[in-house]
Protein backbone atom coordinates (compact mmCIF):
# COMPACT_ATOMS: atom_id res chain seq x y z
CA UNK A 1 110.34 84.12 86.42
CA UNK A 2 112.63 84.57 89.35
CA UNK A 3 115.51 86.97 89.10
CA UNK A 4 119.16 85.97 89.26
CA UNK A 5 121.51 87.14 91.97
CA UNK A 6 124.53 89.19 90.95
CA UNK A 7 127.62 87.64 92.45
CA UNK A 8 131.16 88.90 92.75
CA UNK A 9 134.01 86.61 93.72
CA UNK A 10 136.81 87.48 96.13
CA UNK A 11 139.77 85.11 95.66
CA UNK A 12 142.38 84.87 98.43
CA UNK A 13 145.59 83.14 97.14
CA UNK A 14 148.04 81.56 99.53
CA UNK A 15 151.28 83.33 100.52
CA UNK A 16 153.39 80.51 99.05
CA UNK A 17 151.72 80.99 95.69
CA UNK A 18 152.60 84.67 95.71
CA UNK A 19 156.25 83.84 96.43
CA UNK A 20 156.41 81.27 93.65
CA UNK A 21 155.11 83.73 91.06
CA UNK A 22 158.53 85.46 91.26
CA UNK A 23 160.57 82.31 90.49
CA UNK A 24 161.13 80.62 87.16
CA UNK A 25 163.01 77.37 87.99
CA UNK A 26 161.54 74.34 86.29
CA UNK A 27 162.50 72.19 89.27
CA UNK A 28 159.97 74.09 91.37
CA UNK A 29 157.11 73.30 88.99
CA UNK A 30 155.74 70.26 90.88
CA UNK A 31 155.81 72.14 94.17
CA UNK A 32 154.22 75.15 92.45
CA UNK A 33 151.35 73.03 91.17
CA UNK A 34 150.72 71.67 94.65
CA UNK A 35 150.67 75.15 96.15
CA UNK A 36 148.51 76.69 93.43
CA UNK A 37 145.19 76.52 95.22
CA UNK A 38 142.63 78.98 96.41
CA UNK A 39 142.46 79.34 100.17
CA UNK A 40 139.02 80.93 100.11
CA UNK A 41 136.38 81.87 97.59
CA UNK A 42 133.78 84.25 98.91
CA UNK A 43 131.15 85.84 96.70
CA UNK A 44 129.25 89.02 97.41
CA UNK A 45 125.52 88.76 96.68
CA UNK A 46 124.30 92.05 95.23
CA UNK A 47 120.87 93.66 95.25
CA UNK A 48 119.50 92.89 91.77
CA UNK A 49 117.69 95.37 89.52
CA UNK A 50 114.24 93.87 88.98
CA UNK A 51 112.93 96.69 86.77
CA UNK A 52 114.26 99.59 84.73
CA UNK A 53 112.98 102.12 87.28
CA UNK A 54 114.23 100.32 90.39
CA UNK A 55 116.96 102.17 92.31
CA UNK A 56 116.72 100.25 95.58
CA UNK A 57 115.07 97.11 96.84
CA UNK A 58 113.64 96.00 100.14
CA UNK A 59 114.37 92.57 101.57
CA UNK A 60 111.00 90.97 102.29
CA UNK A 61 112.41 87.69 103.61
CA UNK A 62 115.44 85.44 103.39
CA UNK A 63 114.55 81.92 102.28
CA UNK A 64 117.70 80.55 103.92
CA UNK A 65 119.41 81.14 107.25
CA UNK A 66 123.09 81.83 107.77
CA UNK A 67 125.04 78.61 107.43
CA UNK A 68 122.51 76.94 105.12
CA UNK A 69 123.81 75.17 102.03
CA UNK A 70 122.52 76.53 98.71
CA UNK A 71 122.44 74.88 95.32
CA UNK A 72 122.36 76.57 91.96
CA UNK A 73 118.81 77.74 91.20
CA UNK A 74 117.62 77.83 94.83
CA UNK A 75 115.47 80.87 95.72
CA UNK A 76 117.52 82.57 98.42
CA UNK A 77 115.81 85.92 99.04
CA UNK A 78 112.52 87.71 98.32
CA UNK A 79 113.05 91.28 97.14
CA UNK A 80 110.38 93.96 96.96
CA UNK A 81 110.89 96.31 94.04
CA UNK A 82 108.80 99.40 93.33
CA UNK A 83 105.98 97.24 91.91
CA UNK A 84 106.34 93.56 92.82
CA UNK A 85 107.84 90.95 95.12
CA UNK A 86 110.15 88.49 93.38
CA UNK A 87 111.93 85.34 94.48
CA UNK A 88 115.60 85.74 93.54
CA UNK A 89 117.69 82.66 92.79
CA UNK A 90 121.39 81.97 93.10
CA UNK A 91 123.34 80.53 90.19
CA UNK A 92 126.22 79.26 92.37
CA UNK A 93 126.56 76.46 94.90
CA UNK A 94 127.79 77.39 98.36
CA UNK A 95 126.85 78.37 101.90
CA UNK A 96 124.98 81.50 102.96
CA UNK A 97 127.75 82.73 105.22
CA UNK A 98 126.58 86.18 106.31
CA UNK A 99 123.48 88.31 105.75
CA UNK A 100 124.45 91.98 105.41
CA UNK A 101 120.92 93.38 104.93
CA UNK A 102 118.32 91.73 107.15
CA UNK A 103 114.65 91.31 106.27
CA UNK A 104 112.71 94.55 106.43
CA UNK A 105 115.63 96.77 105.40
CA UNK A 106 116.44 98.30 102.02
CA UNK A 107 119.62 98.55 99.96
CA UNK A 108 120.58 100.32 96.72
CA UNK A 109 120.72 98.29 93.51
CA UNK A 110 124.20 96.82 93.11
CA UNK A 111 125.14 96.93 96.80
CA UNK A 112 126.14 93.79 98.69
CA UNK A 113 123.34 92.19 100.71
CA UNK A 114 125.01 88.90 101.74
CA UNK A 115 128.16 86.81 101.41
CA UNK A 116 128.28 83.32 99.90
CA UNK A 117 131.11 80.97 100.90
CA UNK A 118 132.16 78.17 98.61
CA UNK A 119 132.79 75.70 101.46
CA UNK A 120 131.68 75.34 105.05
CA UNK A 121 135.25 75.91 106.29
CA UNK A 122 135.23 79.38 104.75
CA UNK A 123 132.15 80.59 106.65
CA UNK A 124 134.15 82.08 109.59
CA UNK A 125 136.36 84.02 107.19
CA UNK A 126 133.29 85.33 105.35
CA UNK A 127 131.74 86.42 108.63
CA UNK A 128 134.94 88.20 109.60
CA UNK A 129 134.82 89.97 106.23
CA UNK A 130 131.17 90.86 106.89
CA UNK A 131 132.11 92.33 110.27
CA UNK A 132 134.77 94.46 108.59
CA UNK A 133 132.25 95.67 106.02
CA UNK A 134 129.79 96.58 108.77
CA UNK A 135 132.41 98.43 110.80
CA UNK A 136 133.57 100.32 107.70
CA UNK A 137 130.02 101.39 106.96
CA UNK A 138 129.38 102.58 110.54
CA UNK A 139 131.43 105.60 111.73
CA UNK A 140 132.95 105.19 115.20
CA UNK A 141 131.33 106.86 118.18
CA UNK A 142 132.82 110.24 119.24
CA UNK A 143 134.28 108.93 122.51
CA UNK A 144 136.03 106.09 120.66
CA UNK A 145 137.62 108.58 118.25
CA UNK A 146 138.93 110.66 121.13
CA UNK A 147 140.40 107.58 122.80
CA UNK A 148 142.19 106.54 119.64
CA UNK A 149 143.66 110.00 119.15
CA UNK A 150 144.87 110.11 122.75
CA UNK A 151 146.72 106.80 122.52
CA UNK A 152 147.79 106.20 118.92
CA UNK A 153 150.24 103.48 119.95
CA UNK A 154 147.50 101.30 121.40
CA UNK A 155 147.18 98.21 119.22
CA UNK A 156 143.78 97.68 117.61
CA UNK A 157 141.47 95.21 119.30
CA UNK A 158 141.40 91.70 117.88
CA UNK A 159 138.66 90.96 115.39
CA UNK A 160 135.51 89.48 116.88
CA UNK A 161 135.28 85.74 116.98
CA UNK A 162 133.05 84.16 114.37
CA UNK A 163 129.47 83.88 115.50
CA UNK A 164 128.05 80.40 115.69
CA UNK A 165 125.17 79.53 113.37
CA UNK A 166 122.01 80.44 115.19
CA UNK A 167 119.20 77.96 115.55
CA UNK A 168 116.12 78.53 113.40
CA UNK A 169 113.70 80.97 114.94
CA UNK A 170 110.33 79.58 116.07
CA UNK A 171 107.34 80.22 113.85
CA UNK A 172 105.92 83.70 114.22
CA UNK A 173 102.84 85.52 112.92
CA UNK A 174 103.13 86.47 109.27
CA UNK A 175 102.41 90.14 109.72
CA UNK A 176 104.52 93.22 110.14
CA UNK A 177 102.74 95.57 112.47
CA UNK A 178 99.43 94.01 111.44
CA UNK A 179 99.59 95.74 108.08
CA UNK A 180 101.46 93.39 105.74
CA UNK A 181 101.57 89.67 105.18
CA UNK A 182 105.06 88.28 104.59
CA UNK A 183 104.43 85.32 102.31
CA UNK A 184 105.90 83.74 99.21
CA UNK A 185 104.14 84.59 95.93
CA UNK A 186 103.01 80.99 95.55
CA UNK A 187 101.63 80.97 99.10
CA UNK A 188 99.61 84.10 98.31
CA UNK A 189 98.16 82.52 95.17
CA UNK A 190 97.41 79.30 97.04
CA UNK A 191 95.69 81.23 99.84
CA UNK A 192 93.45 82.93 97.28
CA UNK A 193 92.57 79.60 95.63
CA UNK A 194 91.82 77.93 98.99
CA UNK A 195 90.08 80.98 100.50
CA UNK A 196 92.56 81.18 103.38
CA UNK A 197 93.06 84.47 105.21
CA UNK A 198 96.82 84.99 105.33
CA UNK A 199 96.46 87.23 108.39
CA UNK A 200 95.39 84.15 110.35
CA UNK A 201 98.26 81.93 109.16
CA UNK A 202 101.41 81.36 111.21
CA UNK A 203 104.49 81.28 109.02
CA UNK A 204 107.18 78.64 109.42
CA UNK A 205 109.60 80.09 106.87
CA UNK A 206 112.60 82.32 107.60
CA UNK A 207 111.56 85.34 109.65
CA UNK A 208 108.02 84.03 110.01
CA UNK A 209 107.40 84.02 106.26
CA UNK A 210 104.29 82.11 105.18
CA UNK A 211 105.07 79.33 102.73
CA UNK A 212 102.82 77.01 100.76
CA UNK A 213 102.75 74.25 103.40
CA UNK A 214 101.50 76.75 106.00
CA UNK A 215 98.56 77.69 103.77
CA UNK A 216 97.76 74.04 103.07
CA UNK A 217 97.83 73.26 106.79
CA UNK A 218 95.53 76.21 107.53
CA UNK A 219 93.09 75.08 104.84
CA UNK A 220 93.03 71.53 106.22
CA UNK A 221 92.57 72.64 109.84
CA UNK A 222 89.02 72.66 111.23
CA UNK A 223 87.48 76.09 110.99
CA UNK A 224 86.68 77.85 114.24
CA UNK A 225 83.98 80.41 114.62
CA UNK A 226 85.74 83.75 114.90
CA UNK A 227 84.47 86.08 117.62
CA UNK A 228 82.69 89.17 116.40
CA UNK A 229 85.25 91.46 118.01
CA UNK A 230 88.20 89.71 116.34
CA UNK A 231 89.37 92.15 113.66
CA UNK A 232 92.63 93.38 112.28
CA UNK A 233 94.53 95.64 114.64
CA UNK A 234 93.56 99.27 114.32
CA UNK A 235 96.00 101.73 112.85
CA UNK A 236 98.08 103.13 115.73
CA UNK A 237 96.97 106.75 115.80
CA UNK A 238 99.74 109.32 116.10
CA UNK A 239 102.37 106.96 114.69
CA UNK A 240 104.66 107.74 111.74
CA UNK A 241 104.88 105.01 109.12
CA UNK A 242 107.57 105.15 106.40
CA UNK A 243 106.59 104.58 102.79
CA UNK A 244 106.84 101.08 101.42
CA UNK A 245 108.86 100.70 98.24
CA UNK A 246 105.68 100.76 96.18
CA UNK A 247 104.30 103.81 97.99
CA UNK A 248 107.62 105.57 97.40
CA UNK A 249 107.38 104.84 93.66
CA UNK A 250 103.78 106.11 93.54
CA UNK A 251 104.80 109.27 95.41
CA UNK A 252 107.66 109.90 92.97
CA UNK A 253 105.38 109.47 89.95
CA UNK A 254 102.72 111.78 91.38
CA UNK A 255 105.27 114.52 92.03
CA UNK A 256 106.56 114.16 88.46
CA UNK A 257 103.03 114.48 87.10
CA UNK A 258 102.74 117.98 88.59
CA UNK A 259 105.24 119.21 86.01
CA UNK A 260 102.83 118.34 83.17
CA UNK A 261 100.24 120.99 82.15
CA UNK A 262 96.94 119.11 82.27
CA UNK A 263 93.27 119.92 81.74
CA UNK A 264 90.05 117.98 82.32
CA UNK A 265 86.93 117.30 80.31
CA UNK A 266 83.81 115.57 81.66
CA UNK A 267 81.06 113.68 79.82
CA UNK A 268 77.81 111.92 80.70
CA UNK A 269 77.21 108.52 79.06
CA UNK A 270 73.99 106.49 79.15
CA UNK A 271 74.75 102.87 80.09
CA UNK A 272 71.40 101.06 79.74
CA UNK A 273 72.48 99.10 76.65
CA UNK A 274 75.91 98.33 78.15
CA UNK A 275 74.30 97.08 81.38
CA UNK A 276 72.01 94.77 79.42
CA UNK A 277 74.91 93.39 77.39
CA UNK A 278 76.90 92.80 80.58
CA UNK A 279 74.04 90.79 82.12
CA UNK A 280 73.89 88.58 79.03
CA UNK A 281 77.60 87.73 78.81
CA UNK A 282 78.64 87.97 82.47
CA UNK A 283 78.16 84.21 82.88
CA UNK A 284 80.79 83.66 80.18
CA UNK A 285 83.43 85.31 82.33
CA UNK A 286 83.21 88.82 80.90
CA UNK A 287 83.95 91.63 83.34
CA UNK A 288 82.74 95.23 83.23
CA UNK A 289 86.36 96.37 83.35
CA UNK A 290 87.06 94.44 80.14
CA UNK A 291 83.98 95.97 78.47
CA UNK A 292 85.09 99.50 79.38
CA UNK A 293 88.67 98.79 78.27
CA UNK A 294 87.45 97.37 74.95
CA UNK A 295 85.15 100.35 74.30
CA UNK A 296 87.96 102.77 75.16
CA UNK A 297 90.40 100.99 72.86
CA UNK A 298 87.91 101.07 69.98
CA UNK A 299 87.46 104.81 70.46
CA UNK A 300 91.23 105.38 70.60
CA UNK A 301 91.62 103.71 67.19
CA UNK A 302 89.69 106.64 65.74
CA UNK A 303 91.50 109.28 67.84
CA UNK A 304 95.20 108.32 67.94
CA UNK A 305 96.29 111.69 69.36
CA UNK A 306 94.55 110.81 72.64
CA UNK A 307 96.70 107.65 72.72
CA UNK A 308 99.90 109.61 72.13
CA UNK A 309 102.54 110.62 74.68
CA UNK A 310 105.07 113.40 75.24
CA UNK A 311 108.20 112.57 77.23
CA UNK A 312 110.80 115.20 76.37
CA UNK A 313 108.66 118.33 76.13
CA UNK A 314 109.74 118.89 72.53
CA UNK A 315 107.98 116.12 70.60
CA UNK A 316 105.27 113.52 70.99
CA UNK A 317 104.79 109.97 69.82
CA UNK A 318 101.77 108.38 68.17
CA UNK A 319 101.95 105.05 69.95
CA UNK A 320 101.69 102.08 67.61
CA UNK A 321 99.86 99.93 70.17
CA UNK A 322 96.76 100.65 72.25
CA UNK A 323 97.63 99.36 75.71
CA UNK A 324 94.96 100.08 78.31
CA UNK A 325 96.34 100.34 81.85
CA UNK A 326 93.75 99.93 84.62
CA UNK A 327 94.43 101.16 88.14
CA UNK A 328 94.12 98.45 90.81
CA UNK A 329 94.41 98.98 94.56
CA UNK A 330 96.49 96.27 96.24
CA UNK A 331 97.87 95.76 99.72
CA UNK A 332 100.16 98.69 100.43
CA UNK A 333 99.85 100.59 97.18
CA UNK A 334 98.51 101.02 93.68
CA UNK A 335 99.48 99.37 90.41
CA UNK A 336 98.24 99.54 86.81
CA UNK A 337 98.17 96.15 85.03
CA UNK A 338 98.15 96.64 81.27
CA UNK A 339 95.81 95.06 78.72
CA UNK A 340 98.13 95.13 75.72
CA UNK A 341 96.64 95.53 72.22
CA UNK A 342 93.18 95.83 73.74
CA UNK A 343 91.70 96.90 70.41
CA UNK A 344 92.80 93.65 68.74
CA UNK A 345 91.52 91.16 71.34
CA UNK A 346 87.95 89.88 71.54
CA UNK A 347 86.04 90.61 74.73
CA UNK A 348 86.32 87.04 76.05
CA UNK A 349 90.11 86.87 75.63
CA UNK A 350 90.39 90.35 77.10
CA UNK A 351 88.38 89.30 80.18
CA UNK A 352 90.49 86.18 80.75
CA UNK A 353 93.65 88.26 80.40
CA UNK A 354 92.34 90.82 82.88
CA UNK A 355 91.57 88.19 85.52
CA UNK A 356 95.08 86.78 85.15
CA UNK A 357 96.62 90.22 85.54
CA UNK A 358 94.60 91.02 88.66
CA UNK A 359 95.62 87.73 90.29
CA UNK A 360 99.28 88.39 89.49
CA UNK A 361 99.01 91.98 90.72
CA UNK A 362 97.57 90.97 94.09
CA UNK A 363 100.25 88.30 94.43
CA UNK A 364 102.85 90.93 93.43
CA UNK A 365 104.03 88.76 90.55
CA UNK A 366 103.58 91.14 87.60
CA UNK A 367 106.49 91.41 85.21
CA UNK A 368 107.66 94.95 84.29
CA UNK A 369 106.13 94.86 80.81
CA UNK A 370 102.78 93.98 82.39
CA UNK A 371 102.56 97.24 84.35
CA UNK A 372 104.76 99.85 82.64
CA UNK A 373 103.67 99.60 78.99
CA UNK A 374 100.33 101.45 79.20
CA UNK A 375 99.48 104.16 76.66
CA UNK A 376 96.08 105.16 78.13
CA UNK A 377 94.86 104.64 81.69
CA UNK A 378 91.45 103.84 83.22
CA UNK A 379 90.66 104.51 86.87
CA UNK A 380 87.27 103.17 87.98
CA UNK A 381 85.80 103.99 91.40
CA UNK A 382 82.24 103.30 90.33
CA UNK A 383 82.10 100.05 92.30
CA UNK A 384 82.44 102.15 95.47
CA UNK A 385 79.46 104.33 94.56
CA UNK A 386 81.64 107.30 93.57
CA UNK A 387 79.75 109.27 90.93
CA UNK A 388 82.62 111.47 89.69
CA UNK A 389 86.25 112.26 90.43
CA UNK A 390 89.44 113.53 88.79
CA UNK A 391 92.46 111.29 88.20
CA UNK A 392 96.13 112.31 88.14
CA UNK A 393 97.92 111.78 84.84
CA UNK A 394 100.63 109.07 85.02
CA UNK A 395 103.99 110.36 83.72
CA UNK A 396 104.79 109.35 80.15
CA UNK A 397 101.16 109.00 79.03
CA UNK A 398 98.77 111.37 77.27
CA UNK A 399 95.50 110.81 79.12
CA UNK A 400 93.72 109.03 81.97
CA UNK A 401 89.96 108.55 82.29
CA UNK A 402 88.16 108.51 85.66
CA UNK A 403 84.98 106.42 85.57
CA UNK A 404 82.17 106.94 88.07
CA UNK A 405 79.25 104.70 88.98
CA UNK A 406 76.27 104.11 86.73
CA UNK A 407 73.15 105.43 88.48
CA UNK A 408 69.45 105.76 87.58
CA UNK A 409 68.87 109.37 86.55
CA UNK A 410 65.74 111.31 85.65
CA UNK A 411 66.26 112.70 82.15
CA UNK A 412 64.28 114.39 79.42
CA UNK A 413 63.70 112.31 76.30
CA UNK A 414 63.79 113.57 72.73
CA UNK A 415 60.01 113.55 72.48
CA UNK A 416 59.72 115.96 75.39
CA UNK A 417 58.82 113.39 78.03
CA UNK A 418 60.57 112.54 81.31
CA UNK A 419 62.17 109.14 81.75
CA UNK A 420 64.75 107.29 83.84
CA UNK A 421 68.04 106.16 82.36
CA UNK A 422 71.23 104.77 83.86
CA UNK A 423 74.07 107.20 83.35
CA UNK A 424 77.70 107.44 84.37
CA UNK A 425 80.10 110.36 84.54
CA UNK A 426 83.57 110.11 83.02
CA UNK A 427 86.30 112.74 83.42
CA UNK A 428 89.43 112.66 81.27
CA UNK A 429 92.68 114.30 82.43
CA UNK A 430 95.02 114.99 79.49
CA UNK A 431 98.43 116.45 78.67
CA UNK A 432 97.61 119.86 77.16
CA UNK A 433 100.97 120.03 75.36
CA UNK A 434 99.71 117.37 72.95
CA UNK A 435 95.96 116.93 73.39
CA UNK A 436 93.50 119.83 73.10
CA UNK A 437 89.89 120.29 74.17
CA UNK A 438 88.46 119.49 70.77
CA UNK A 439 90.47 116.24 70.68
CA UNK A 440 88.97 115.04 73.97
CA UNK A 441 85.47 116.18 73.02
CA UNK A 442 85.59 114.18 69.79
CA UNK A 443 87.04 111.14 71.59
CA UNK A 444 84.32 111.22 74.26
CA UNK A 445 81.59 111.52 71.65
CA UNK A 446 82.93 108.40 69.92
CA UNK A 447 83.23 106.55 73.23
CA UNK A 448 79.66 107.48 74.13
CA UNK A 449 78.32 106.11 70.82
CA UNK A 450 80.17 102.81 71.34
CA UNK A 451 78.88 102.37 74.90
CA UNK A 452 75.30 103.42 74.10
CA UNK A 453 75.20 101.01 71.14
CA UNK A 454 77.63 98.25 72.24
CA UNK A 455 76.89 95.60 69.61
CA UNK A 456 80.45 95.85 68.23
CA UNK A 457 82.04 95.10 71.62
CA UNK A 458 81.41 91.37 71.26
CA UNK A 459 82.98 91.05 67.80
């Protein structure tokens, strides 16, 4: 659901109306009614708060150019919060008179990012107001200050003339430095469905933004054989790249996690039975991530302290729901979509839900409750061949489990013989203020039994 723009009206009454407010003669009533009109109505468009943790937003793209007419409900700007890109709508009719924060720049939540004029005649006045806001925000240069002090009687320069509405910019590539595609959320989803590489699409939207019609045109165009050497531009070595909004949020969370006293416990789990089950039900849409999430949730039911959390350093909460957050790498950052009530859902529903969450995450369309409600986190690097690693505990949770790859391993059997079994390493990082070594040991024993005998996972 798109967000709603916060608008603030600036009403400019006429001088005659101000004079009439001091009089009380009834004979002046008709003339007063004729003069009681608003000369201009200009609204400030504010940066909306798209999540409870958002303190500033980045303008990804403006859907309209200065001078364009807007109707109530039109998406006017795409804002990048700390976790997602969202189309933000306006709930007023009017004209986009002046953009105060251009695409690519950030602004604090609640600050003005544009001005909306009620009529086309009021656009010049709004632009004059925007120029005044810009000049107030920018301190004068030192030489200008000296000149003003030397000649205080010099009258101020006239305000700049209103700038004419610029013509739409020609289509441009939909990348920013070769590292990010600027596209609408629907265009991203459409590109995934049609197997279109957004890096090869030329955007026709404002600021070169890729829109749905660009993706459809690229899908309908005849495919050309790409040369072998044609690849994404290399990272410019030696350059300094500022954090994206999402990277800034991840950095903040990681720094906060250092204040939590954590410890780690590792465990080896045999996965032969789980691998066989996965082969049987994979065709029904079941994913390995869903199987691991389901097994973890079932184990947490028996060990609620591992699903608890400590936020104030003085108490902890036994969470009433088991919400498994799973770390997913996306373009420009990391996010943890949440499988809510994972212990109560069957494996097929859980798998469908997971696929939906991944699609929304990669399109940057997750709603806050879909990424910030986790009570236990999974981080799986096994698909990259990583056999073991340690994960950093997300703030506000009790534990996170790092899952390595399942690999054939030579082991000794109970009858004294040597055999080969598939095994994976898991390492759990936990908040030692709440969870102790014996708690994690018992939890991992339960998890191992569920995975090594997974018949209950399909119930």
